[in-house]
Protein backbone atom coordinates (compact mmCIF):
# COMPACT_ATOMS: atom_id res chain seq x y z
CA UNK A 1 0.00 0.00 0.00
CA UNK A 2 1.38 3.38 -0.97
CA UNK A 3 0.16 4.95 2.28
CA UNK A 4 2.29 2.56 4.34
CA UNK A 5 5.29 3.32 2.14
CA UNK A 6 4.78 7.05 2.63
CA UNK A 7 4.56 6.81 6.41
CA UNK A 8 7.60 4.52 6.57
CA UNK A 9 9.58 6.97 4.44
CA UNK A 10 8.70 9.65 7.01
CA UNK A 11 10.01 7.68 9.97
CA UNK A 12 6.94 5.83 11.23
CA UNK A 13 6.90 2.06 11.71
CA UNK A 14 3.76 0.53 10.23
CA UNK A 15 2.71 -2.53 12.21
CA UNK A 16 -0.77 -3.37 10.90
CA UNK A 17 -2.85 -2.76 7.78
CA UNK A 18 -6.63 -2.97 7.37
CA UNK A 19 -7.36 -3.74 11.03
CA UNK A 20 -10.88 -4.90 11.81
CA UNK A 21 -12.30 -3.12 14.83
CA UNK A 22 -15.77 -3.60 16.28
CA UNK A 23 -18.11 -2.18 13.57
CA UNK A 24 -15.34 -0.86 11.34
CA UNK A 25 -11.81 -0.95 10.04
CA UNK A 26 -8.75 1.27 10.38
CA UNK A 27 -6.40 1.50 7.43
CA UNK A 28 -3.01 1.61 9.16
CA UNK A 29 -1.63 1.28 12.68
CA UNK A 30 1.90 2.58 13.16
CA UNK A 31 4.38 3.81 15.73
CA UNK A 32 5.82 7.30 15.63
CA UNK A 33 8.58 7.04 18.21
CA UNK A 34 6.80 5.85 21.35
CA UNK A 35 3.36 6.96 20.16
CA UNK A 36 0.88 4.57 18.55
CA UNK A 37 -0.96 6.09 15.58
CA UNK A 38 -3.97 5.18 13.45
CA UNK A 39 -3.88 6.58 9.90
CA UNK A 40 -6.89 6.86 7.63
CA UNK A 41 -5.80 6.80 3.99
CA UNK A 42 -7.97 8.14 1.20
CA UNK A 43 -7.01 7.93 -2.47
CA UNK A 44 -8.55 9.99 -5.24
CA UNK A 45 -7.86 10.08 -8.96
CA UNK A 46 -8.53 13.71 -9.76
CA UNK A 47 -6.92 17.06 -9.15
CA UNK A 48 -8.54 18.17 -5.87
CA UNK A 49 -6.84 18.11 -2.49
CA UNK A 50 -7.11 14.41 -1.55
CA UNK A 51 -7.52 15.20 2.14
CA UNK A 52 -10.89 16.79 1.30
CA UNK A 53 -12.15 13.29 0.48
CA UNK A 54 -12.07 12.46 4.20
CA UNK A 55 -15.24 14.19 5.37
CA UNK A 56 -16.02 15.16 8.97
CA UNK A 57 -18.28 12.17 9.64
CA UNK A 58 -15.55 9.79 8.49
CA UNK A 59 -13.02 11.54 10.74
CA UNK A 60 -15.31 11.13 13.76
CA UNK A 61 -15.83 7.46 12.93
CA UNK A 62 -12.10 6.78 12.59
CA UNK A 63 -11.39 8.59 15.86
CA UNK A 64 -13.98 6.40 17.58
CA UNK A 65 -12.45 3.23 16.13
CA UNK A 66 -8.98 4.35 17.20
CA UNK A 67 -10.20 4.95 20.74
CA UNK A 68 -11.61 1.39 20.86
CA UNK A 69 -8.10 0.01 20.34
CA UNK A 70 -6.47 2.46 22.73
CA UNK A 71 -4.95 4.84 20.18
CA UNK A 72 -5.17 8.56 20.94
CA UNK A 73 -3.56 9.98 17.80
CA UNK A 74 -5.26 9.79 14.41
CA UNK A 75 -3.49 10.94 11.25
CA UNK A 76 -5.07 11.46 7.85
CA UNK A 77 -3.28 10.80 4.58
CA UNK A 78 -4.75 11.84 1.27
CA UNK A 79 -3.20 10.41 -1.89
CA UNK A 80 -4.10 12.05 -5.18
CA UNK A 81 -3.32 10.37 -8.47
CA UNK A 82 -3.10 12.23 -11.78
CA UNK A 83 -1.55 11.26 -15.10
CA UNK A 84 1.58 13.24 -14.22
CA UNK A 85 2.21 12.67 -10.52
CA UNK A 86 1.13 11.39 -7.12
CA UNK A 87 0.26 14.02 -4.51
CA UNK A 88 0.46 13.25 -0.79
CA UNK A 89 -1.23 15.37 1.84
CA UNK A 90 -0.47 14.14 5.37
CA UNK A 91 -2.23 15.67 8.35
CA UNK A 92 -0.69 14.32 11.57
CA UNK A 93 -3.14 14.35 14.44
CA UNK A 94 -2.53 15.58 17.92
CA UNK A 95 -2.56 13.30 20.92
CA UNK A 96 -4.64 13.79 24.02
CA UNK A 97 -1.80 12.33 26.09
PDB file of N, CA and C in Angstrom:
ATOM      1  N   UNK A   1       0.840  -1.173   0.000  1.00  0.00           N
ATOM      2  CA  UNK A   1       0.000   0.000   0.000  1.00  0.00           C
ATOM      3  C   UNK A   1       0.890   1.243   0.000  1.00  0.00           C
ATOM      4  N   UNK A   2       0.566   2.176  -0.834  1.00  0.00           N
ATOM      5  CA  UNK A   2       1.376   3.384  -0.974  1.00  0.00           C
ATOM      6  C   UNK A   2       1.347   4.241   0.293  1.00  0.00           C
ATOM      7  N   UNK A   3       0.242   4.191   1.028  1.00  0.00           N
ATOM      8  CA  UNK A   3       0.159   4.946   2.282  1.00  0.00           C
ATOM      9  C   UNK A   3       1.161   4.441   3.305  1.00  0.00           C
ATOM     10  N   UNK A   4       1.308   3.131   3.412  1.00  0.00           N
ATOM     11  CA  UNK A   4       2.289   2.558   4.338  1.00  0.00           C
ATOM     12  C   UNK A   4       3.702   2.942   3.920  1.00  0.00           C
ATOM     13  N   UNK A   5       3.969   2.899   2.628  1.00  0.00           N
ATOM     14  CA  UNK A   5       5.287   3.317   2.140  1.00  0.00           C
ATOM     15  C   UNK A   5       5.574   4.762   2.523  1.00  0.00           C
ATOM     16  N   UNK A   6       4.595   5.638   2.317  1.00  0.00           N
ATOM     17  CA  UNK A   6       4.781   7.052   2.628  1.00  0.00           C
ATOM     18  C   UNK A   6       5.100   7.253   4.102  1.00  0.00           C
ATOM     19  N   UNK A   7       4.318   6.647   4.976  1.00  0.00           N
ATOM     20  CA  UNK A   7       4.560   6.810   6.412  1.00  0.00           C
ATOM     21  C   UNK A   7       5.927   6.262   6.808  1.00  0.00           C
ATOM     22  N   UNK A   8       6.294   5.113   6.276  1.00  0.00           N
ATOM     23  CA  UNK A   8       7.597   4.522   6.574  1.00  0.00           C
ATOM     24  C   UNK A   8       8.721   5.453   6.111  1.00  0.00           C
ATOM     25  N   UNK A   9       8.553   6.060   4.950  1.00  0.00           N
ATOM     26  CA  UNK A   9       9.583   6.966   4.444  1.00  0.00           C
ATOM     27  C   UNK A   9       9.676   8.250   5.267  1.00  0.00           C
ATOM     28  N   UNK A  10       8.681   8.488   6.122  1.00  0.00           N
ATOM     29  CA  UNK A  10       8.696   9.648   7.009  1.00  0.00           C
ATOM     30  C   UNK A  10       8.959   9.257   8.466  1.00  0.00           C
ATOM     31  N   UNK A  11       9.522   8.066   8.663  1.00  0.00           N
ATOM     32  CA  UNK A  11      10.011   7.676   9.969  1.00  0.00           C
ATOM     33  C   UNK A  11       9.070   6.893  10.852  1.00  0.00           C
ATOM     34  N   UNK A  12       7.848   6.627  10.419  1.00  0.00           N
ATOM     35  CA  UNK A  12       6.939   5.825  11.229  1.00  0.00           C
ATOM     36  C   UNK A  12       7.192   4.344  10.955  1.00  0.00           C
ATOM     37  N   UNK A  13       6.803   3.509  11.884  1.00  0.00           N
ATOM     38  CA  UNK A  13       6.903   2.062  11.710  1.00  0.00           C
ATOM     39  C   UNK A  13       5.494   1.502  11.623  1.00  0.00           C
ATOM     40  N   UNK A  14       5.101   1.071  10.439  1.00  0.00           N
ATOM     41  CA  UNK A  14       3.759   0.527  10.225  1.00  0.00           C
ATOM     42  C   UNK A  14       3.735  -0.910  10.730  1.00  0.00           C
ATOM     43  N   UNK A  15       2.791  -1.200  11.621  1.00  0.00           N
ATOM     44  CA  UNK A  15       2.710  -2.535  12.212  1.00  0.00           C
ATOM     45  C   UNK A  15       1.510  -3.344  11.725  1.00  0.00           C
ATOM     46  N   UNK A  16       0.441  -2.661  11.336  1.00  0.00           N
ATOM     47  CA  UNK A  16      -0.775  -3.368  10.897  1.00  0.00           C
ATOM     48  C   UNK A  16      -1.458  -2.587   9.775  1.00  0.00           C
ATOM     49  N   UNK A  17      -2.076  -3.356   8.877  1.00  0.00           N
ATOM     50  CA  UNK A  17      -2.846  -2.761   7.783  1.00  0.00           C
ATOM     51  C   UNK A  17      -4.244  -3.355   7.805  1.00  0.00           C
ATOM     52  N   UNK A  18      -5.238  -2.526   7.478  1.00  0.00           N
ATOM     53  CA  UNK A  18      -6.633  -2.972   7.374  1.00  0.00           C
ATOM     54  C   UNK A  18      -7.068  -3.764   8.604  1.00  0.00           C
ATOM     55  N   UNK A  19      -7.048  -3.103   9.745  1.00  0.00           N
ATOM     56  CA  UNK A  19      -7.359  -3.739  11.025  1.00  0.00           C
ATOM     57  C   UNK A  19      -8.860  -3.682  11.284  1.00  0.00           C
ATOM     58  N   UNK A  20      -9.465  -4.839  11.468  1.00  0.00           N
ATOM     59  CA  UNK A  20     -10.883  -4.895  11.810  1.00  0.00           C
ATOM     60  C   UNK A  20     -11.068  -4.533  13.270  1.00  0.00           C
ATOM     61  N   UNK A  21     -11.939  -3.566  13.498  1.00  0.00           N
ATOM     62  CA  UNK A  21     -12.295  -3.115  14.832  1.00  0.00           C
ATOM     63  C   UNK A  21     -13.812  -3.241  14.911  1.00  0.00           C
ATOM     64  N   UNK A  22     -14.329  -3.480  16.095  1.00  0.00           N
ATOM     65  CA  UNK A  22     -15.768  -3.601  16.275  1.00  0.00           C
ATOM     66  C   UNK A  22     -16.518  -2.566  15.436  1.00  0.00           C
ATOM     67  N   UNK A  23     -17.301  -3.018  14.460  1.00  0.00           N
ATOM     68  CA  UNK A  23     -18.114  -2.175  13.574  1.00  0.00           C
ATOM     69  C   UNK A  23     -17.297  -1.256  12.672  1.00  0.00           C
ATOM     70  N   UNK A  24     -16.114  -1.691  12.255  1.00  0.00           N
ATOM     71  CA  UNK A  24     -15.341  -0.863  11.341  1.00  0.00           C
ATOM     72  C   UNK A  24     -13.953  -1.401  11.067  1.00  0.00           C
ATOM     73  N   UNK A  25     -13.176  -0.585  10.398  1.00  0.00           N
ATOM     74  CA  UNK A  25     -11.811  -0.948  10.038  1.00  0.00           C
ATOM     75  C   UNK A  25     -10.944   0.300  10.020  1.00  0.00           C
ATOM     76  N   UNK A  26      -9.722   0.178  10.508  1.00  0.00           N
ATOM     77  CA  UNK A  26      -8.752   1.265  10.383  1.00  0.00           C
ATOM     78  C   UNK A  26      -7.732   0.849   9.335  1.00  0.00           C
ATOM     79  N   UNK A  27      -7.285   1.817   8.545  1.00  0.00           N
ATOM     80  CA  UNK A  27      -6.400   1.502   7.427  1.00  0.00           C
ATOM     81  C   UNK A  27      -5.011   1.076   7.885  1.00  0.00           C
ATOM     82  N   UNK A  28      -4.384   1.891   8.731  1.00  0.00           N
ATOM     83  CA  UNK A  28      -3.011   1.609   9.163  1.00  0.00           C
ATOM     84  C   UNK A  28      -2.850   1.880  10.649  1.00  0.00           C
ATOM     85  N   UNK A  29      -2.065   1.035  11.301  1.00  0.00           N
ATOM     86  CA  UNK A  29      -1.630   1.285  12.676  1.00  0.00           C
ATOM     87  C   UNK A  29      -0.109   1.341  12.619  1.00  0.00           C
ATOM     88  N   UNK A  30       0.454   2.378  13.235  1.00  0.00           N
ATOM     89  CA  UNK A  30       1.898   2.580  13.162  1.00  0.00           C
ATOM     90  C   UNK A  30       2.410   3.138  14.477  1.00  0.00           C
ATOM     91  N   UNK A  31       3.721   3.157  14.600  1.00  0.00           N
ATOM     92  CA  UNK A  31       4.381   3.806  15.726  1.00  0.00           C
ATOM     93  C   UNK A  31       5.165   4.990  15.205  1.00  0.00           C
ATOM     94  N   UNK A  32       5.026   6.111  15.893  1.00  0.00           N
ATOM     95  CA  UNK A  32       5.816   7.304  15.629  1.00  0.00           C
ATOM     96  C   UNK A  32       6.596   7.554  16.911  1.00  0.00           C
ATOM     97  N   UNK A  33       7.820   7.028  16.951  1.00  0.00           N
ATOM     98  CA  UNK A  33       8.577   7.039  18.207  1.00  0.00           C
ATOM     99  C   UNK A  33       7.881   6.125  19.192  1.00  0.00           C
ATOM    100  N   UNK A  34       7.482   6.664  20.338  1.00  0.00           N
ATOM    101  CA  UNK A  34       6.798   5.854  21.349  1.00  0.00           C
ATOM    102  C   UNK A  34       5.285   6.060  21.315  1.00  0.00           C
ATOM    103  N   UNK A  35       4.780   6.682  20.265  1.00  0.00           N
ATOM    104  CA  UNK A  35       3.358   6.962  20.160  1.00  0.00           C
ATOM    105  C   UNK A  35       2.704   6.091  19.090  1.00  0.00           C
ATOM    106  N   UNK A  36       1.638   5.411  19.477  1.00  0.00           N
ATOM    107  CA  UNK A  36       0.879   4.575  18.551  1.00  0.00           C
ATOM    108  C   UNK A  36      -0.105   5.458  17.781  1.00  0.00           C
ATOM    109  N   UNK A  37      -0.196   5.224  16.477  1.00  0.00           N
ATOM    110  CA  UNK A  37      -0.956   6.094  15.583  1.00  0.00           C
ATOM    111  C   UNK A  37      -1.865   5.261  14.678  1.00  0.00           C
ATOM    112  N   UNK A  38      -3.091   5.728  14.479  1.00  0.00           N
ATOM    113  CA  UNK A  38      -3.970   5.178  13.445  1.00  0.00           C
ATOM    114  C   UNK A  38      -3.969   6.181  12.300  1.00  0.00           C
ATOM    115  N   UNK A  39      -3.844   5.693  11.066  1.00  0.00           N
ATOM    116  CA  UNK A  39      -3.875   6.580   9.904  1.00  0.00           C
ATOM    117  C   UNK A  39      -4.980   6.136   8.958  1.00  0.00           C
ATOM    118  N   UNK A  40      -5.861   7.062   8.639  1.00  0.00           N
ATOM    119  CA  UNK A  40      -6.890   6.860   7.626  1.00  0.00           C
ATOM    120  C   UNK A  40      -6.311   7.335   6.299  1.00  0.00           C
ATOM    121  N   UNK A  41      -6.348   6.471   5.303  1.00  0.00           N
ATOM    122  CA  UNK A  41      -5.795   6.802   3.985  1.00  0.00           C
ATOM    123  C   UNK A  41      -6.944   6.894   2.996  1.00  0.00           C
ATOM    124  N   UNK A  42      -6.958   7.970   2.231  1.00  0.00           N
ATOM    125  CA  UNK A  42      -7.968   8.136   1.196  1.00  0.00           C
ATOM    126  C   UNK A  42      -7.270   8.454  -0.104  1.00  0.00           C
ATOM    127  N   UNK A  43      -7.605   7.710  -1.152  1.00  0.00           N
ATOM    128  CA  UNK A  43      -7.011   7.928  -2.473  1.00  0.00           C
ATOM    129  C   UNK A  43      -8.077   8.480  -3.413  1.00  0.00           C
ATOM    130  N   UNK A  44      -7.659   9.425  -4.230  1.00  0.00           N
ATOM    131  CA  UNK A  44      -8.552   9.989  -5.241  1.00  0.00           C
ATOM    132  C   UNK A  44      -7.794  10.061  -6.564  1.00  0.00           C
ATOM    133  N   UNK A  45      -8.526  10.077  -7.652  1.00  0.00           N
ATOM    134  CA  UNK A  45      -7.861  10.083  -8.956  1.00  0.00           C
ATOM    135  C   UNK A  45      -8.202  11.331  -9.758  1.00  0.00           C
ATOM    136  N   UNK A  46      -8.294  12.445  -9.069  1.00  0.00           N
ATOM    137  CA  UNK A  46      -8.533  13.706  -9.764  1.00  0.00           C
ATOM    138  C   UNK A  46      -7.767  14.810  -9.062  1.00  0.00           C
ATOM    139  N   UNK A  47      -7.846  16.010  -9.562  1.00  0.00           N
ATOM    140  CA  UNK A  47      -6.922  17.060  -9.145  1.00  0.00           C
ATOM    141  C   UNK A  47      -7.424  17.950  -8.009  1.00  0.00           C
ATOM    142  N   UNK A  48      -8.169  17.406  -7.062  1.00  0.00           N
ATOM    143  CA  UNK A  48      -8.542  18.172  -5.868  1.00  0.00           C
ATOM    144  C   UNK A  48      -7.636  17.739  -4.722  1.00  0.00           C
ATOM    145  N   UNK A  49      -7.639  18.490  -3.653  1.00  0.00           N
ATOM    146  CA  UNK A  49      -6.844  18.105  -2.493  1.00  0.00           C
ATOM    147  C   UNK A  49      -7.397  16.784  -1.957  1.00  0.00           C
ATOM    148  N   UNK A  50      -6.595  15.727  -1.945  1.00  0.00           N
ATOM    149  CA  UNK A  50      -7.106  14.414  -1.552  1.00  0.00           C
ATOM    150  C   UNK A  50      -7.584  14.360  -0.104  1.00  0.00           C
ATOM    151  N   UNK A  51      -7.089  15.221   0.748  1.00  0.00           N
ATOM    152  CA  UNK A  51      -7.517  15.198   2.142  1.00  0.00           C
ATOM    153  C   UNK A  51      -8.983  15.612   2.264  1.00  0.00           C
ATOM    154  N   UNK A  52      -9.481  16.381   1.292  1.00  0.00           N
ATOM    155  CA  UNK A  52     -10.886  16.792   1.304  1.00  0.00           C
ATOM    156  C   UNK A  52     -11.833  15.607   1.133  1.00  0.00           C
ATOM    157  N   UNK A  53     -11.322  14.484   0.650  1.00  0.00           N
ATOM    158  CA  UNK A  53     -12.150  13.288   0.475  1.00  0.00           C
ATOM    159  C   UNK A  53     -12.457  12.609   1.809  1.00  0.00           C
ATOM    160  N   UNK A  54     -11.803  13.031   2.876  1.00  0.00           N
ATOM    161  CA  UNK A  54     -12.075  12.461   4.203  1.00  0.00           C
ATOM    162  C   UNK A  54     -12.978  13.453   4.929  1.00  0.00           C
ATOM    163  N   UNK A  55     -14.278  13.256   4.813  1.00  0.00           N
ATOM    164  CA  UNK A  55     -15.238  14.195   5.368  1.00  0.00           C
ATOM    165  C   UNK A  55     -15.321  14.091   6.891  1.00  0.00           C
ATOM    166  N   UNK A  56     -15.968  15.050   7.512  1.00  0.00           N
ATOM    167  CA  UNK A  56     -16.018  15.160   8.971  1.00  0.00           C
ATOM    168  C   UNK A  56     -16.617  13.920   9.632  1.00  0.00           C
ATOM    169  N   UNK A  57     -17.656  13.360   9.054  1.00  0.00           N
ATOM    170  CA  UNK A  57     -18.280  12.167   9.641  1.00  0.00           C
ATOM    171  C   UNK A  57     -17.303  10.989   9.645  1.00  0.00           C
ATOM    172  N   UNK A  58     -16.543  10.857   8.578  1.00  0.00           N
ATOM    173  CA  UNK A  58     -15.550   9.791   8.493  1.00  0.00           C
ATOM    174  C   UNK A  58     -14.460  10.011   9.538  1.00  0.00           C
ATOM    175  N   UNK A  59     -14.044  11.240   9.739  1.00  0.00           N
ATOM    176  CA  UNK A  59     -13.023  11.545  10.743  1.00  0.00           C
ATOM    177  C   UNK A  59     -13.503  11.172  12.145  1.00  0.00           C
ATOM    178  N   UNK A  60     -14.753  11.492  12.437  1.00  0.00           N
ATOM    179  CA  UNK A  60     -15.310  11.130  13.757  1.00  0.00           C
ATOM    180  C   UNK A  60     -15.356   9.620  13.923  1.00  0.00           C
ATOM    181  N   UNK A  61     -15.747   8.926  12.877  1.00  0.00           N
ATOM    182  CA  UNK A  61     -15.833   7.456  12.933  1.00  0.00           C
ATOM    183  C   UNK A  61     -14.454   6.838  13.165  1.00  0.00           C
ATOM    184  N   UNK A  62     -13.453   7.303  12.444  1.00  0.00           N
ATOM    185  CA  UNK A  62     -12.096   6.776  12.588  1.00  0.00           C
ATOM    186  C   UNK A  62     -11.566   7.063  13.994  1.00  0.00           C
ATOM    187  N   UNK A  63     -11.833   8.251  14.504  1.00  0.00           N
ATOM    188  CA  UNK A  63     -11.395   8.589  15.862  1.00  0.00           C
ATOM    189  C   UNK A  63     -12.035   7.660  16.882  1.00  0.00           C
ATOM    190  N   UNK A  64     -13.300   7.335  16.684  1.00  0.00           N
ATOM    191  CA  UNK A  64     -13.976   6.396  17.577  1.00  0.00           C
ATOM    192  C   UNK A  64     -13.387   4.996  17.502  1.00  0.00           C
ATOM    193  N   UNK A  65     -13.072   4.545  16.294  1.00  0.00           N
ATOM    194  CA  UNK A  65     -12.450   3.228  16.131  1.00  0.00           C
ATOM    195  C   UNK A  65     -11.070   3.198  16.779  1.00  0.00           C
ATOM    196  N   UNK A  66     -10.314   4.270  16.599  1.00  0.00           N
ATOM    197  CA  UNK A  66      -8.981   4.349  17.199  1.00  0.00           C
ATOM    198  C   UNK A  66      -9.078   4.267  18.717  1.00  0.00           C
ATOM    199  N   UNK A  67     -10.030   4.963  19.285  1.00  0.00           N
ATOM    200  CA  UNK A  67     -10.205   4.952  20.737  1.00  0.00           C
ATOM    201  C   UNK A  67     -10.523   3.546  21.237  1.00  0.00           C
ATOM    202  N   UNK A  68     -11.262   2.764  20.453  1.00  0.00           N
ATOM    203  CA  UNK A  68     -11.607   1.394  20.858  1.00  0.00           C
ATOM    204  C   UNK A  68     -10.379   0.500  20.983  1.00  0.00           C
ATOM    205  N   UNK A  69      -9.307   0.835  20.240  1.00  0.00           N
ATOM    206  CA  UNK A  69      -8.097   0.014  20.340  1.00  0.00           C
ATOM    207  C   UNK A  69      -7.005   0.735  21.136  1.00  0.00           C
ATOM    208  N   UNK A  70      -7.403   1.785  21.833  1.00  0.00           N
ATOM    209  CA  UNK A  70      -6.475   2.462  22.735  1.00  0.00           C
ATOM    210  C   UNK A  70      -5.504   3.418  22.084  1.00  0.00           C
ATOM    211  N   UNK A  71      -5.826   3.898  20.878  1.00  0.00           N
ATOM    212  CA  UNK A  71      -4.954   4.839  20.180  1.00  0.00           C
ATOM    213  C   UNK A  71      -5.528   6.246  20.328  1.00  0.00           C
ATOM    214  N   UNK A  72      -4.695   7.191  20.722  1.00  0.00           N
ATOM    215  CA  UNK A  72      -5.172   8.557  20.942  1.00  0.00           C
ATOM    216  C   UNK A  72      -4.801   9.515  19.817  1.00  0.00           C
ATOM    217  N   UNK A  73      -3.934   9.104  18.915  1.00  0.00           N
ATOM    218  CA  UNK A  73      -3.560   9.981  17.796  1.00  0.00           C
ATOM    219  C   UNK A  73      -4.062   9.387  16.490  1.00  0.00           C
ATOM    220  N   UNK A  74      -4.758  10.202  15.720  1.00  0.00           N
ATOM    221  CA  UNK A  74      -5.261   9.787  14.411  1.00  0.00           C
ATOM    222  C   UNK A  74      -4.700  10.743  13.364  1.00  0.00           C
ATOM    223  N   UNK A  75      -4.019  10.183  12.376  1.00  0.00           N
ATOM    224  CA  UNK A  75      -3.490  10.941  11.249  1.00  0.00           C
ATOM    225  C   UNK A  75      -4.380  10.683  10.035  1.00  0.00           C
ATOM    226  N   UNK A  76      -4.341  11.620   9.100  1.00  0.00           N
ATOM    227  CA  UNK A  76      -5.071  11.463   7.850  1.00  0.00           C
ATOM    228  C   UNK A  76      -4.091  11.646   6.704  1.00  0.00           C
ATOM    229  N   UNK A  77      -4.166  10.745   5.733  1.00  0.00           N
ATOM    230  CA  UNK A  77      -3.278  10.801   4.581  1.00  0.00           C
ATOM    231  C   UNK A  77      -4.115  10.735   3.318  1.00  0.00           C
ATOM    232  N   UNK A  78      -4.078  11.815   2.558  1.00  0.00           N
ATOM    233  CA  UNK A  78      -4.746  11.845   1.272  1.00  0.00           C
ATOM    234  C   UNK A  78      -3.725  11.587   0.178  1.00  0.00           C
ATOM    235  N   UNK A  79      -4.089  10.733  -0.773  1.00  0.00           N
ATOM    236  CA  UNK A  79      -3.202  10.411  -1.889  1.00  0.00           C
ATOM    237  C   UNK A  79      -3.968  10.699  -3.177  1.00  0.00           C
ATOM    238  N   UNK A  80      -3.461  11.679  -3.923  1.00  0.00           N
ATOM    239  CA  UNK A  80      -4.102  12.049  -5.178  1.00  0.00           C
ATOM    240  C   UNK A  80      -3.299  11.551  -6.367  1.00  0.00           C
ATOM    241  N   UNK A  81      -3.969  10.896  -7.276  1.00  0.00           N
ATOM    242  CA  UNK A  81      -3.322  10.368  -8.474  1.00  0.00           C
ATOM    243  C   UNK A  81      -3.769  11.172  -9.694  1.00  0.00           C
ATOM    244  N   UNK A  82      -2.813  11.625 -10.484  1.00  0.00           N
ATOM    245  CA  UNK A  82      -3.102  12.232 -11.783  1.00  0.00           C
ATOM    246  C   UNK A  82      -2.249  11.505 -12.814  1.00  0.00           C
ATOM    247  N   UNK A  83      -2.381  11.876 -14.061  1.00  0.00           N
ATOM    248  CA  UNK A  83      -1.553  11.263 -15.097  1.00  0.00           C
ATOM    249  C   UNK A  83      -0.083  11.605 -14.921  1.00  0.00           C
ATOM    250  N   UNK A  84       0.204  12.750 -14.303  1.00  0.00           N
ATOM    251  CA  UNK A  84       1.576  13.240 -14.222  1.00  0.00           C
ATOM    252  C   UNK A  84       2.279  12.952 -12.900  1.00  0.00           C
ATOM    253  N   UNK A  85       1.549  12.790 -11.819  1.00  0.00           N
ATOM    254  CA  UNK A  85       2.210  12.669 -10.517  1.00  0.00           C
ATOM    255  C   UNK A  85       1.287  12.075  -9.455  1.00  0.00           C
ATOM    256  N   UNK A  86       1.876  11.798  -8.307  1.00  0.00           N
ATOM    257  CA  UNK A  86       1.130  11.387  -7.118  1.00  0.00           C
ATOM    258  C   UNK A  86       1.327  12.486  -6.086  1.00  0.00           C
ATOM    259  N   UNK A  87       0.229  12.948  -5.501  1.00  0.00           N
ATOM    260  CA  UNK A  87       0.265  14.023  -4.511  1.00  0.00           C
ATOM    261  C   UNK A  87      -0.120  13.464  -3.154  1.00  0.00           C
ATOM    262  N   UNK A  88       0.742  13.690  -2.157  1.00  0.00           N
ATOM    263  CA  UNK A  88       0.463  13.254  -0.789  1.00  0.00           C
ATOM    264  C   UNK A  88       0.120  14.468   0.066  1.00  0.00           C
ATOM    265  N   UNK A  89      -0.884  14.334   0.883  1.00  0.00           N
ATOM    266  CA  UNK A  89      -1.228  15.374   1.843  1.00  0.00           C
ATOM    267  C   UNK A  89      -1.449  14.673   3.187  1.00  0.00           C
ATOM    268  N   UNK A  90      -0.468  14.823   4.069  1.00  0.00           N
ATOM    269  CA  UNK A  90      -0.473  14.138   5.366  1.00  0.00           C
ATOM    270  C   UNK A  90      -0.822  15.141   6.453  1.00  0.00           C
ATOM    271  N   UNK A  91      -1.822  14.819   7.245  1.00  0.00           N
ATOM    272  CA  UNK A  91      -2.228  15.670   8.352  1.00  0.00           C
ATOM    273  C   UNK A  91      -2.048  14.855   9.631  1.00  0.00           C
ATOM    274  N   UNK A  92      -0.898  15.029  10.300  1.00  0.00           N
ATOM    275  CA  UNK A  92      -0.687  14.323  11.565  1.00  0.00           C
ATOM    276  C   UNK A  92      -1.649  14.860  12.619  1.00  0.00           C
ATOM    277  N   UNK A  93      -2.218  13.953  13.385  1.00  0.00           N
ATOM    278  CA  UNK A  93      -3.136  14.354  14.439  1.00  0.00           C
ATOM    279  C   UNK A  93      -2.388  14.735  15.697  1.00  0.00           C
ATOM    280  N   UNK A  94      -3.121  15.287  16.618  1.00  0.00           N
ATOM    281  CA  UNK A  94      -2.528  15.579  17.918  1.00  0.00           C
ATOM    282  C   UNK A  94      -3.017  14.525  18.891  1.00  0.00           C
ATOM    283  N   UNK A  95      -2.247  14.308  19.907  1.00  0.00           N
ATOM    284  CA  UNK A  95      -2.562  13.301  20.915  1.00  0.00           C
ATOM    285  C   UNK A  95      -3.167  13.967  22.129  1.00  0.00           C
ATOM    286  N   UNK A  96      -4.057  13.266  22.779  1.00  0.00           N
ATOM    287  CA  UNK A  96      -4.635  13.794  24.021  1.00  0.00           C
ATOM    288  C   UNK A  96      -3.786  13.402  25.214  1.00  0.00           C
ATOM    289  N   UNK A  97      -2.671  12.696  24.973  1.00  0.00           N
ATOM    290  CA  UNK A  97      -1.797  12.325  26.092  1.00  0.00           C
ATOM    291  C   UNK A  97      -0.552  13.168  26.109  1.00  0.00           C
TER     292      UNK A  97
END
